[in-house]
C-alpha cells in the first residue's frame, strides 16, 4: 500500500506542517470533494471514541459518536493554510465530541437567527 517513498513524503508533510497522519488524508479528501462538487464548504463525518467517563471503562462494548468536521475549501488559500484550518476544526470537534447532535442543531439554529 505505502512504499518507502510515499511514507517518506507523508513524514515530510507531517514534520513541515505539524499535522497528524489522520489530518493529511482528511485534508486531501476534503480538497478532492470540494473540486468535484464545486462547493467551498465541505463536511466529512468520522467516528470518535466516546468513553469519556471513568464509569464506562469497565463496561463491555464499543462506544462511539460520529462527529462532522466542517471546512471551507477556498481556491484563494494555500495548502498549508488548508492544513491548518482542517487541524483546527478537527481539534475543536474532538474537544466537543460529547455534545449531542441535537444540542449542536439547536446552537446552529440559534446562531443563524442572530441571537
PDB file of N, CA and C in Angstrom:
ATOM      1  N   UNK A   1       0.826  -1.184   0.000  1.00  0.00           N
ATOM      2  CA  UNK A   1       0.000   0.000   0.000  1.00  0.00           C
ATOM      3  C   UNK A   1       0.875   1.255   0.000  1.00  0.00           C
ATOM      4  N   UNK A   2       1.698   1.425   1.023  1.00  0.00           N
ATOM      5  CA  UNK A   2       2.625   2.548   1.065  1.00  0.00           C
ATOM      6  C   UNK A   2       4.046   2.032   0.988  1.00  0.00           C
ATOM      7  N   UNK A   3       4.738   2.457  -0.048  1.00  0.00           N
ATOM      8  CA  UNK A   3       6.143   2.087  -0.139  1.00  0.00           C
ATOM      9  C   UNK A   3       6.985   3.116   0.622  1.00  0.00           C
ATOM     10  N   UNK A   4       8.269   2.941   0.622  1.00  0.00           N
ATOM     11  CA  UNK A   4       9.153   3.838   1.385  1.00  0.00           C
ATOM     12  C   UNK A   4       9.076   5.280   0.898  1.00  0.00           C
ATOM     13  N   UNK A   5       8.960   5.452  -0.408  1.00  0.00           N
ATOM     14  CA  UNK A   5       8.920   6.806  -0.971  1.00  0.00           C
ATOM     15  C   UNK A   5       7.661   7.555  -0.499  1.00  0.00           C
ATOM     16  N   UNK A   6       6.512   6.878  -0.573  1.00  0.00           N
ATOM     17  CA  UNK A   6       5.263   7.510  -0.136  1.00  0.00           C
ATOM     18  C   UNK A   6       5.283   7.784   1.368  1.00  0.00           C
ATOM     19  N   UNK A   7       5.818   6.864   2.120  1.00  0.00           N
ATOM     20  CA  UNK A   7       5.927   7.052   3.568  1.00  0.00           C
ATOM     21  C   UNK A   7       6.830   8.236   3.881  1.00  0.00           C
ATOM     22  N   UNK A   8       7.921   8.363   3.145  1.00  0.00           N
ATOM     23  CA  UNK A   8       8.841   9.497   3.339  1.00  0.00           C
ATOM     24  C   UNK A   8       8.123  10.816   3.032  1.00  0.00           C
ATOM     25  N   UNK A   9       7.323  10.854   1.980  1.00  0.00           N
ATOM     26  CA  UNK A   9       6.576  12.068   1.615  1.00  0.00           C
ATOM     27  C   UNK A   9       5.592  12.440   2.723  1.00  0.00           C
ATOM     28  N   UNK A  10       4.865  11.436   3.250  1.00  0.00           N
ATOM     29  CA  UNK A  10       3.920  11.694   4.333  1.00  0.00           C
ATOM     30  C   UNK A  10       4.629  12.205   5.587  1.00  0.00           C
ATOM     31  N   UNK A  11       5.763  11.608   5.905  1.00  0.00           N
ATOM     32  CA  UNK A  11       6.522  12.059   7.074  1.00  0.00           C
ATOM     33  C   UNK A  11       7.033  13.489   6.888  1.00  0.00           C
ATOM     34  N   UNK A  12       7.408  13.827   5.658  1.00  0.00           N
ATOM     35  CA  UNK A  12       7.880  15.179   5.367  1.00  0.00           C
ATOM     36  C   UNK A  12       6.738  16.186   5.533  1.00  0.00           C
ATOM     37  N   UNK A  13       5.568  15.860   5.004  1.00  0.00           N
ATOM     38  CA  UNK A  13       4.393  16.733   5.172  1.00  0.00           C
ATOM     39  C   UNK A  13       4.066  16.872   6.656  1.00  0.00           C
ATOM     40  N   UNK A  14       4.134  15.755   7.368  1.00  0.00           N
ATOM     41  CA  UNK A  14       3.863  15.747   8.802  1.00  0.00           C
ATOM     42  C   UNK A  14       4.807  16.679   9.556  1.00  0.00           C
ATOM     43  N   UNK A  15       6.081  16.579   9.289  1.00  0.00           N
ATOM     44  CA  UNK A  15       7.051  17.391  10.039  1.00  0.00           C
ATOM     45  C   UNK A  15       7.039  18.859   9.611  1.00  0.00           C
ATOM     46  N   UNK A  16       6.838  19.131   8.333  1.00  0.00           N
ATOM     47  CA  UNK A  16       6.860  20.509   7.854  1.00  0.00           C
ATOM     48  C   UNK A  16       5.620  21.300   8.268  1.00  0.00           C
ATOM     49  N   UNK A  17       4.492  20.606   8.419  1.00  0.00           N
ATOM     50  CA  UNK A  17       3.238  21.295   8.702  1.00  0.00           C
ATOM     51  C   UNK A  17       2.683  21.011  10.089  1.00  0.00           C
ATOM     52  N   UNK A  18       3.388  20.193  10.869  1.00  0.00           N
ATOM     53  CA  UNK A  18       2.930  19.821  12.210  1.00  0.00           C
ATOM     54  C   UNK A  18       1.481  19.312  12.141  1.00  0.00           C
ATOM     55  N   UNK A  19       1.268  18.331  11.290  1.00  0.00           N
ATOM     56  CA  UNK A  19      -0.060  17.785  11.050  1.00  0.00           C
ATOM     57  C   UNK A  19      -0.028  16.276  11.249  1.00  0.00           C
ATOM     58  N   UNK A  20      -1.078  15.737  11.831  1.00  0.00           N
ATOM     59  CA  UNK A  20      -1.119  14.303  12.123  1.00  0.00           C
ATOM     60  C   UNK A  20      -1.364  13.485  10.853  1.00  0.00           C
ATOM     61  N   UNK A  21      -1.095  12.210  10.969  1.00  0.00           N
ATOM     62  CA  UNK A  21      -1.317  11.314   9.830  1.00  0.00           C
ATOM     63  C   UNK A  21      -2.805  11.093   9.574  1.00  0.00           C
ATOM     64  N   UNK A  22      -3.673  11.456  10.490  1.00  0.00           N
ATOM     65  CA  UNK A  22      -5.117  11.431  10.253  1.00  0.00           C
ATOM     66  C   UNK A  22      -5.524  12.632   9.408  1.00  0.00           C
ATOM     67  N   UNK A  23      -4.978  13.796   9.731  1.00  0.00           N
ATOM     68  CA  UNK A  23      -5.395  15.028   9.063  1.00  0.00           C
ATOM     69  C   UNK A  23      -4.819  15.204   7.659  1.00  0.00           C
ATOM     70  N   UNK A  24      -3.742  14.529   7.346  1.00  0.00           N
ATOM     71  CA  UNK A  24      -3.175  14.645   5.984  1.00  0.00           C
ATOM     72  C   UNK A  24      -4.151  14.092   4.944  1.00  0.00           C
ATOM     73  N   UNK A  25      -4.584  12.827   5.059  1.00  0.00           N
ATOM     74  CA  UNK A  25      -5.539  12.345   4.049  1.00  0.00           C
ATOM     75  C   UNK A  25      -6.912  13.013   4.170  1.00  0.00           C
ATOM     76  N   UNK A  26      -7.291  13.433   5.394  1.00  0.00           N
ATOM     77  CA  UNK A  26      -8.567  14.142   5.552  1.00  0.00           C
ATOM     78  C   UNK A  26      -8.556  15.441   4.757  1.00  0.00           C
ATOM     79  N   UNK A  27      -7.463  16.183   4.846  1.00  0.00           N
ATOM     80  CA  UNK A  27      -7.342  17.436   4.094  1.00  0.00           C
ATOM     81  C   UNK A  27      -7.375  17.175   2.586  1.00  0.00           C
ATOM     82  N   UNK A  28      -6.647  16.168   2.148  1.00  0.00           N
ATOM     83  CA  UNK A  28      -6.632  15.825   0.712  1.00  0.00           C
ATOM     84  C   UNK A  28      -8.022  15.391   0.243  1.00  0.00           C
ATOM     85  N   UNK A  29      -8.706  14.600   1.069  1.00  0.00           N
ATOM     86  CA  UNK A  29     -10.056  14.144   0.737  1.00  0.00           C
ATOM     87  C   UNK A  29     -11.012  15.335   0.622  1.00  0.00           C
ATOM     88  N   UNK A  30     -10.904  16.281   1.555  1.00  0.00           N
ATOM     89  CA  UNK A  30     -11.759  17.466   1.509  1.00  0.00           C
ATOM     90  C   UNK A  30     -11.465  18.320   0.270  1.00  0.00           C
ATOM     91  N   UNK A  31     -10.210  18.412  -0.085  1.00  0.00           N
ATOM     92  CA  UNK A  31      -9.828  19.159  -1.285  1.00  0.00           C
ATOM     93  C   UNK A  31     -10.431  18.520  -2.534  1.00  0.00           C
ATOM     94  N   UNK A  32     -10.355  17.198  -2.629  1.00  0.00           N
ATOM     95  CA  UNK A  32     -10.923  16.479  -3.768  1.00  0.00           C
ATOM     96  C   UNK A  32     -12.440  16.635  -3.801  1.00  0.00           C
ATOM     97  N   UNK A  33     -13.097  16.482  -2.640  1.00  0.00           N
ATOM     98  CA  UNK A  33     -14.550  16.647  -2.580  1.00  0.00           C
ATOM     99  C   UNK A  33     -14.968  18.047  -3.023  1.00  0.00           C
ATOM    100  N   UNK A  34     -14.213  19.041  -2.598  1.00  0.00           N
ATOM    101  CA  UNK A  34     -14.525  20.413  -2.970  1.00  0.00           C
ATOM    102  C   UNK A  34     -14.408  20.623  -4.478  1.00  0.00           C
ATOM    103  N   UNK A  35     -13.351  20.073  -5.060  1.00  0.00           N
ATOM    104  CA  UNK A  35     -13.145  20.248  -6.506  1.00  0.00           C
ATOM    105  C   UNK A  35     -14.226  19.538  -7.322  1.00  0.00           C
ATOM    106  N   UNK A  36     -14.560  18.301  -6.928  1.00  0.00           N
ATOM    107  CA  UNK A  36     -15.556  17.537  -7.686  1.00  0.00           C
ATOM    108  C   UNK A  36     -16.975  18.078  -7.506  1.00  0.00           C
ATOM    109  N   UNK A  37     -17.275  18.625  -6.335  1.00  0.00           N
ATOM    110  CA  UNK A  37     -18.631  19.101  -6.069  1.00  0.00           C
ATOM    111  C   UNK A  37     -18.821  20.578  -6.398  1.00  0.00           C
ATOM    112  N   UNK A  38     -17.726  21.271  -6.667  1.00  0.00           N
ATOM    113  CA  UNK A  38     -17.777  22.715  -6.918  1.00  0.00           C
ATOM    114  C   UNK A  38     -18.335  23.488  -5.731  1.00  0.00           C
ATOM    115  N   UNK A  39     -18.075  22.996  -4.525  1.00  0.00           N
ATOM    116  CA  UNK A  39     -18.538  23.627  -3.292  1.00  0.00           C
ATOM    117  C   UNK A  39     -17.339  24.033  -2.440  1.00  0.00           C
ATOM    118  N   UNK A  40     -17.449  25.185  -1.797  1.00  0.00           N
ATOM    119  CA  UNK A  40     -16.387  25.638  -0.893  1.00  0.00           C
ATOM    120  C   UNK A  40     -16.527  25.034   0.494  1.00  0.00           C
ATOM    121  N   UNK A  41     -17.754  24.725   0.891  1.00  0.00           N
ATOM    122  CA  UNK A  41     -17.996  24.170   2.220  1.00  0.00           C
ATOM    123  C   UNK A  41     -18.073  22.654   2.121  1.00  0.00           C
ATOM    124  N   UNK A  42     -17.201  21.973   2.863  1.00  0.00           N
ATOM    125  CA  UNK A  42     -17.131  20.511   2.823  1.00  0.00           C
ATOM    126  C   UNK A  42     -17.294  19.974   4.238  1.00  0.00           C
ATOM    127  N   UNK A  43     -18.187  18.992   4.378  1.00  0.00           N
ATOM    128  CA  UNK A  43     -18.413  18.354   5.675  1.00  0.00           C
ATOM    129  C   UNK A  43     -18.114  16.875   5.548  1.00  0.00           C
ATOM    130  N   UNK A  44     -17.331  16.360   6.488  1.00  0.00           N
ATOM    131  CA  UNK A  44     -16.972  14.946   6.489  1.00  0.00           C
ATOM    132  C   UNK A  44     -17.234  14.398   7.889  1.00  0.00           C
ATOM    133  N   UNK A  45     -17.957  13.280   7.962  1.00  0.00           N
ATOM    134  CA  UNK A  45     -18.226  12.638   9.236  1.00  0.00           C
ATOM    135  C   UNK A  45     -17.169  11.597   9.553  1.00  0.00           C
ATOM    136  N   UNK A  46     -16.853  11.468  10.845  1.00  0.00           N
ATOM    137  CA  UNK A  46     -15.878  10.469  11.273  1.00  0.00           C
ATOM    138  C   UNK A  46     -16.237   9.996  12.680  1.00  0.00           C
ATOM    139  N   UNK A  47     -16.013   8.717  12.964  1.00  0.00           N
ATOM    140  CA  UNK A  47     -16.311   8.231  14.323  1.00  0.00           C
ATOM    141  C   UNK A  47     -15.206   8.623  15.300  1.00  0.00           C
ATOM    142  N   UNK A  48     -15.615   8.883  16.542  1.00  0.00           N
ATOM    143  CA  UNK A  48     -14.658   9.146  17.618  1.00  0.00           C
ATOM    144  C   UNK A  48     -15.042   8.311  18.831  1.00  0.00           C
ATOM    145  N   UNK A  49     -14.057   7.981  19.619  1.00  0.00           N
ATOM    146  CA  UNK A  49     -14.290   7.207  20.832  1.00  0.00           C
ATOM    147  C   UNK A  49     -15.113   8.036  21.804  1.00  0.00           C
ATOM    148  N   UNK A  50     -16.082   7.390  22.468  1.00  0.00           N
ATOM    149  CA  UNK A  50     -16.993   8.143  23.331  1.00  0.00           C
ATOM    150  C   UNK A  50     -16.971   7.685  24.784  1.00  0.00           C
ATOM    151  N   UNK A  51     -15.907   7.078  25.233  1.00  0.00           N
ATOM    152  CA  UNK A  51     -15.794   6.692  26.646  1.00  0.00           C
ATOM    153  C   UNK A  51     -15.150   7.841  27.412  1.00  0.00           C
ATOM    154  N   UNK A  52     -15.950   8.808  27.751  1.00  0.00           N
ATOM    155  CA  UNK A  52     -15.392   9.998  28.386  1.00  0.00           C
ATOM    156  C   UNK A  52     -15.478   9.976  29.901  1.00  0.00           C
ATOM    157  N   UNK A  53     -16.186   9.024  30.473  1.00  0.00           N
ATOM    158  CA  UNK A  53     -16.286   8.950  31.928  1.00  0.00           C
ATOM    159  C   UNK A  53     -15.634   7.676  32.438  1.00  0.00           C
ATOM    160  N   UNK A  54     -15.106   7.752  33.625  1.00  0.00           N
ATOM    161  CA  UNK A  54     -14.413   6.610  34.229  1.00  0.00           C
ATOM    162  C   UNK A  54     -15.384   5.451  34.448  1.00  0.00           C
ATOM    163  N   UNK A  55     -16.649   5.749  34.715  1.00  0.00           N
ATOM    164  CA  UNK A  55     -17.665   4.707  34.949  1.00  0.00           C
ATOM    165  C   UNK A  55     -17.780   3.737  33.780  1.00  0.00           C
ATOM    166  N   UNK A  56     -17.543   4.221  32.573  1.00  0.00           N
ATOM    167  CA  UNK A  56     -17.713   3.388  31.382  1.00  0.00           C
ATOM    168  C   UNK A  56     -16.497   2.510  31.075  1.00  0.00           C
ATOM    169  N   UNK A  57     -15.387   2.721  31.745  1.00  0.00           N
ATOM    170  CA  UNK A  57     -14.160   1.985  31.426  1.00  0.00           C
ATOM    171  C   UNK A  57     -14.298   0.479  31.615  1.00  0.00           C
ATOM    172  N   UNK A  58     -15.091   0.034  32.578  1.00  0.00           N
ATOM    173  CA  UNK A  58     -15.256  -1.404  32.820  1.00  0.00           C
ATOM    174  C   UNK A  58     -16.439  -2.000  32.056  1.00  0.00           C
ATOM    175  N   UNK A  59     -17.141  -1.201  31.307  1.00  0.00           N
ATOM    176  CA  UNK A  59     -18.285  -1.674  30.542  1.00  0.00           C
ATOM    177  C   UNK A  59     -17.811  -2.265  29.224  1.00  0.00           C
ATOM    178  N   UNK A  60     -18.365  -3.441  28.900  1.00  0.00           N
ATOM    179  CA  UNK A  60     -18.001  -4.092  27.646  1.00  0.00           C
ATOM    180  C   UNK A  60     -18.846  -3.487  26.531  1.00  0.00           C
ATOM    181  N   UNK A  61     -18.204  -3.184  25.442  1.00  0.00           N
ATOM    182  CA  UNK A  61     -18.920  -2.635  24.299  1.00  0.00           C
ATOM    183  C   UNK A  61     -18.128  -1.515  23.659  1.00  0.00           C
ATOM    184  N   UNK A  62     -18.590  -1.133  22.504  1.00  0.00           N
ATOM    185  CA  UNK A  62     -17.923  -0.085  21.744  1.00  0.00           C
ATOM    186  C   UNK A  62     -18.784   1.166  21.798  1.00  0.00           C
ATOM    187  N   UNK A  63     -18.247   2.226  22.378  1.00  0.00           N
ATOM    188  CA  UNK A  63     -18.962   3.486  22.490  1.00  0.00           C
ATOM    189  C   UNK A  63     -18.363   4.468  21.500  1.00  0.00           C
ATOM    190  N   UNK A  64     -19.215   4.980  20.641  1.00  0.00           N
ATOM    191  CA  UNK A  64     -18.732   5.851  19.575  1.00  0.00           C
ATOM    192  C   UNK A  64     -19.738   6.958  19.315  1.00  0.00           C
ATOM    193  N   UNK A  65     -19.221   8.113  19.008  1.00  0.00           N
ATOM    194  CA  UNK A  65     -20.028   9.211  18.488  1.00  0.00           C
ATOM    195  C   UNK A  65     -19.504   9.514  17.100  1.00  0.00           C
ATOM    196  N   UNK A  66     -20.408   9.898  16.229  1.00  0.00           N
ATOM    197  CA  UNK A  66     -19.981  10.360  14.918  1.00  0.00           C
ATOM    198  C   UNK A  66     -20.002  11.874  14.938  1.00  0.00           C
ATOM    199  N   UNK A  67     -18.894  12.463  14.567  1.00  0.00           N
ATOM    200  CA  UNK A  67     -18.791  13.918  14.533  1.00  0.00           C
ATOM    201  C   UNK A  67     -18.597  14.365  13.086  1.00  0.00           C
ATOM    202  N   UNK A  68     -19.007  15.597  12.838  1.00  0.00           N
ATOM    203  CA  UNK A  68     -18.871  16.167  11.498  1.00  0.00           C
ATOM    204  C   UNK A  68     -17.818  17.261  11.550  1.00  0.00           C
ATOM    205  N   UNK A  69     -16.836  17.141  10.664  1.00  0.00           N
ATOM    206  CA  UNK A  69     -15.759  18.136  10.589  1.00  0.00           C
ATOM    207  C   UNK A  69     -16.013  19.003   9.358  1.00  0.00           C
ATOM    208  N   UNK A  70     -16.291  20.277   9.608  1.00  0.00           N
ATOM    209  CA  UNK A  70     -16.631  21.219   8.543  1.00  0.00           C
ATOM    210  C   UNK A  70     -15.393  22.023   8.170  1.00  0.00           C
ATOM    211  N   UNK A  71     -15.225  22.250   6.886  1.00  0.00           N
ATOM    212  CA  UNK A  71     -14.108  23.073   6.415  1.00  0.00           C
ATOM    213  C   UNK A  71     -14.551  23.910   5.233  1.00  0.00           C
ATOM    214  N   UNK A  72     -13.969  25.086   5.156  1.00  0.00           N
ATOM    215  CA  UNK A  72     -14.153  25.924   3.978  1.00  0.00           C
ATOM    216  C   UNK A  72     -12.914  25.764   3.112  1.00  0.00           C
ATOM    217  N   UNK A  73     -13.117  25.244   1.923  1.00  0.00           N
ATOM    218  CA  UNK A  73     -12.011  24.983   0.999  1.00  0.00           C
ATOM    219  C   UNK A  73     -12.123  26.005  -0.126  1.00  0.00           C
ATOM    220  N   UNK A  74     -11.360  27.049   0.005  1.00  0.00           N
ATOM    221  CA  UNK A  74     -11.407  28.138  -0.964  1.00  0.00           C
ATOM    222  C   UNK A  74     -10.196  28.060  -1.883  1.00  0.00           C
ATOM    223  N   UNK A  75     -10.386  28.482  -3.113  1.00  0.00           N
ATOM    224  CA  UNK A  75      -9.288  28.428  -4.081  1.00  0.00           C
ATOM    225  C   UNK A  75      -8.221  29.487  -3.811  1.00  0.00           C
ATOM    226  N   UNK A  76      -8.530  30.455  -2.952  1.00  0.00           N
ATOM    227  CA  UNK A  76      -7.558  31.513  -2.692  1.00  0.00           C
ATOM    228  C   UNK A  76      -6.711  31.287  -1.438  1.00  0.00           C
ATOM    229  N   UNK A  77      -6.772  30.073  -0.845  1.00  0.00           N
ATOM    230  CA  UNK A  77      -5.890  29.784   0.283  1.00  0.00           C
ATOM    231  C   UNK A  77      -4.867  28.731  -0.133  1.00  0.00           C
ATOM    232  N   UNK A  78      -3.749  28.766   0.542  1.00  0.00           N
ATOM    233  CA  UNK A  78      -2.686  27.804   0.221  1.00  0.00           C
ATOM    234  C   UNK A  78      -2.983  26.453   0.864  1.00  0.00           C
ATOM    235  N   UNK A  79      -2.269  25.433   0.435  1.00  0.00           N
ATOM    236  CA  UNK A  79      -2.429  24.100   1.008  1.00  0.00           C
ATOM    237  C   UNK A  79      -2.041  24.117   2.486  1.00  0.00           C
ATOM    238  N   UNK A  80      -1.013  24.868   2.828  1.00  0.00           N
ATOM    239  CA  UNK A  80      -0.597  24.988   4.228  1.00  0.00           C
ATOM    240  C   UNK A  80      -1.713  25.589   5.075  1.00  0.00           C
ATOM    241  N   UNK A  81      -2.375  26.625   4.565  1.00  0.00           N
ATOM    242  CA  UNK A  81      -3.488  27.240   5.286  1.00  0.00           C
ATOM    243  C   UNK A  81      -4.666  26.272   5.422  1.00  0.00           C
ATOM    244  N   UNK A  82      -4.892  25.475   4.384  1.00  0.00           N
ATOM    245  CA  UNK A  82      -5.952  24.469   4.451  1.00  0.00           C
ATOM    246  C   UNK A  82      -5.620  23.411   5.496  1.00  0.00           C
ATOM    247  N   UNK A  83      -4.362  22.952   5.521  1.00  0.00           N
ATOM    248  CA  UNK A  83      -3.927  22.015   6.562  1.00  0.00           C
ATOM    249  C   UNK A  83      -4.207  22.594   7.949  1.00  0.00           C
ATOM    250  N   UNK A  84      -3.820  23.841   8.159  1.00  0.00           N
ATOM    251  CA  UNK A  84      -4.009  24.492   9.458  1.00  0.00           C
ATOM    252  C   UNK A  84      -5.485  24.581   9.830  1.00  0.00           C
ATOM    253  N   UNK A  85      -6.327  24.925   8.862  1.00  0.00           N
ATOM    254  CA  UNK A  85      -7.760  25.045   9.121  1.00  0.00           C
ATOM    255  C   UNK A  85      -8.374  23.688   9.468  1.00  0.00           C
ATOM    256  N   UNK A  86      -7.999  22.651   8.733  1.00  0.00           N
ATOM    257  CA  UNK A  86      -8.532  21.314   8.994  1.00  0.00           C
ATOM    258  C   UNK A  86      -8.086  20.826  10.367  1.00  0.00           C
ATOM    259  N   UNK A  87      -6.829  21.050  10.715  1.00  0.00           N
ATOM    260  CA  UNK A  87      -6.328  20.645  12.042  1.00  0.00           C
ATOM    261  C   UNK A  87      -7.104  21.379  13.133  1.00  0.00           C
ATOM    262  N   UNK A  88      -7.291  22.665  12.973  1.00  0.00           N
ATOM    263  CA  UNK A  88      -8.012  23.466  13.963  1.00  0.00           C
ATOM    264  C   UNK A  88      -9.459  22.983  14.106  1.00  0.00           C
ATOM    265  N   UNK A  89     -10.129  22.775  12.986  1.00  0.00           N
ATOM    266  CA  UNK A  89     -11.513  22.299  13.019  1.00  0.00           C
ATOM    267  C   UNK A  89     -11.609  20.909  13.638  1.00  0.00           C
ATOM    268  N   UNK A  90     -10.689  20.035  13.294  1.00  0.00           N
ATOM    269  CA  UNK A  90     -10.688  18.675  13.850  1.00  0.00           C
ATOM    270  C   UNK A  90     -10.485  18.724  15.358  1.00  0.00           C
ATOM    271  N   UNK A  91      -9.548  19.534  15.818  1.00  0.00           N
ATOM    272  CA  UNK A  91      -9.306  19.659  17.252  1.00  0.00           C
ATOM    273  C   UNK A  91     -10.530  20.195  17.986  1.00  0.00           C
ATOM    274  N   UNK A  92     -11.197  21.194  17.409  1.00  0.00           N
ATOM    275  CA  UNK A  92     -12.410  21.743  18.016  1.00  0.00           C
ATOM    276  C   UNK A  92     -13.503  20.685  18.126  1.00  0.00           C
ATOM    277  N   UNK A  93     -13.654  19.893  17.088  1.00  0.00           N
ATOM    278  CA  UNK A  93     -14.685  18.855  17.084  1.00  0.00           C
ATOM    279  C   UNK A  93     -14.369  17.791  18.133  1.00  0.00           C
ATOM    280  N   UNK A  94     -13.126  17.368  18.213  1.00  0.00           N
ATOM    281  CA  UNK A  94     -12.733  16.334  19.175  1.00  0.00           C
ATOM    282  C   UNK A  94     -12.934  16.824  20.608  1.00  0.00           C
ATOM    283  N   UNK A  95     -12.596  18.076  20.871  1.00  0.00           N
ATOM    284  CA  UNK A  95     -12.785  18.639  22.210  1.00  0.00           C
ATOM    285  C   UNK A  95     -14.267  18.620  22.600  1.00  0.00           C
ATOM    286  N   UNK A  96     -15.139  18.864  21.634  1.00  0.00           N
ATOM    287  CA  UNK A  96     -16.572  18.940  21.900  1.00  0.00           C
ATOM    288  C   UNK A  96     -17.328  17.682  21.475  1.00  0.00           C
ATOM    289  N   UNK A  97     -16.657  16.563  21.429  1.00  0.00           N
ATOM    290  CA  UNK A  97     -17.264  15.332  20.913  1.00  0.00           C
ATOM    291  C   UNK A  97     -18.437  14.835  21.742  1.00  0.00           C
ATOM    292  N   UNK A  98     -18.530  15.230  22.994  1.00  0.00           N
ATOM    293  CA  UNK A  98     -19.612  14.750  23.849  1.00  0.00           C
ATOM    294  C   UNK A  98     -20.877  15.592  23.767  1.00  0.00           C
ATOM    295  N   UNK A  99     -20.825  16.679  23.017  1.00  0.00           N
ATOM    296  CA  UNK A  99     -22.027  17.483  22.819  1.00  0.00           C
ATOM    297  C   UNK A  99     -22.922  16.731  21.851  1.00  0.00           C
ATOM    298  N   UNK A 100     -24.165  16.544  22.246  1.00  0.00           N
ATOM    299  CA  UNK A 100     -25.076  15.748  21.417  1.00  0.00           C
ATOM    300  C   UNK A 100     -25.386  16.452  20.097  1.00  0.00           C
ATOM    301  N   UNK A 101     -25.753  15.658  19.129  1.00  0.00           N
ATOM    302  CA  UNK A 101     -26.099  16.183  17.813  1.00  0.00           C
ATOM    303  C   UNK A 101     -27.268  17.171  17.936  1.00  0.00           C
ATOM    304  N   UNK A 102     -28.239  16.853  18.777  1.00  0.00           N
ATOM    305  CA  UNK A 102     -29.401  17.716  18.968  1.00  0.00           C
ATOM    306  C   UNK A 102     -28.995  19.089  19.512  1.00  0.00           C
ATOM    307  N   UNK A 103     -28.048  19.106  20.462  1.00  0.00           N
ATOM    308  CA  UNK A 103     -27.569  20.374  21.015  1.00  0.00           C
ATOM    309  C   UNK A 103     -26.853  21.193  19.941  1.00  0.00           C
ATOM    310  N   UNK A 104     -26.092  20.525  19.091  1.00  0.00           N
ATOM    311  CA  UNK A 104     -25.410  21.232  18.002  1.00  0.00           C
ATOM    312  C   UNK A 104     -26.412  21.868  17.048  1.00  0.00           C
ATOM    313  N   UNK A 105     -27.485  21.150  16.735  1.00  0.00           N
ATOM    314  CA  UNK A 105     -28.511  21.683  15.835  1.00  0.00           C
ATOM    315  C   UNK A 105     -29.182  22.894  16.473  1.00  0.00           C
ATOM    316  N   UNK A 106     -29.521  22.790  17.763  1.00  0.00           N
ATOM    317  CA  UNK A 106     -30.131  23.917  18.466  1.00  0.00           C
ATOM    318  C   UNK A 106     -29.206  25.128  18.450  1.00  0.00           C
ATOM    319  N   UNK A 107     -27.933  24.917  18.704  1.00  0.00           N
ATOM    320  CA  UNK A 107     -26.961  26.010  18.720  1.00  0.00           C
ATOM    321  C   UNK A 107     -26.841  26.639  17.336  1.00  0.00           C
ATOM    322  N   UNK A 108     -26.816  25.806  16.306  1.00  0.00           N
ATOM    323  CA  UNK A 108     -26.699  26.313  14.934  1.00  0.00           C
ATOM    324  C   UNK A 108     -27.913  27.162  14.571  1.00  0.00           C
ATOM    325  N   UNK A 109     -29.095  26.697  14.903  1.00  0.00           N
ATOM    326  CA  UNK A 109     -30.310  27.478  14.620  1.00  0.00           C
ATOM    327  C   UNK A 109     -30.296  28.776  15.413  1.00  0.00           C
ATOM    328  N   UNK A 110     -29.843  28.710  16.645  1.00  0.00           N
ATOM    329  CA  UNK A 110     -29.768  29.898  17.499  1.00  0.00           C
ATOM    330  C   UNK A 110     -28.851  30.934  16.879  1.00  0.00           C
ATOM    331  N   UNK A 111     -27.708  30.505  16.385  1.00  0.00           N
ATOM    332  CA  UNK A 111     -26.732  31.420  15.777  1.00  0.00           C
ATOM    333  C   UNK A 111     -27.250  31.993  14.467  1.00  0.00           C
ATOM    334  N   UNK A 112     -27.957  31.173  13.662  1.00  0.00           N
ATOM    335  CA  UNK A 112     -28.457  31.643  12.369  1.00  0.00           C
ATOM    336  C   UNK A 112     -29.523  32.733  12.527  1.00  0.00           C
ATOM    337  N   UNK A 113     -30.270  32.669  13.628  1.00  0.00           N
ATOM    338  CA  UNK A 113     -31.301  33.681  13.862  1.00  0.00           C
ATOM    339  C   UNK A 113     -30.705  34.993  14.355  1.00  0.00           C
ATOM    340  N   UNK A 114     -29.431  34.982  14.676  1.00  0.00           N
ATOM    341  CA  UNK A 114     -28.757  36.209  15.081  1.00  0.00           C
ATOM    342  C   UNK A 114     -28.878  36.531  16.557  1.00  0.00           C
ATOM    343  N   UNK A 115     -29.185  35.553  17.385  1.00  0.00           N
ATOM    344  CA  UNK A 115     -29.323  35.807  18.836  1.00  0.00           C
ATOM    345  C   UNK A 115     -28.006  35.702  19.537  1.00  0.00           C
TER     346      UNK A 115
END
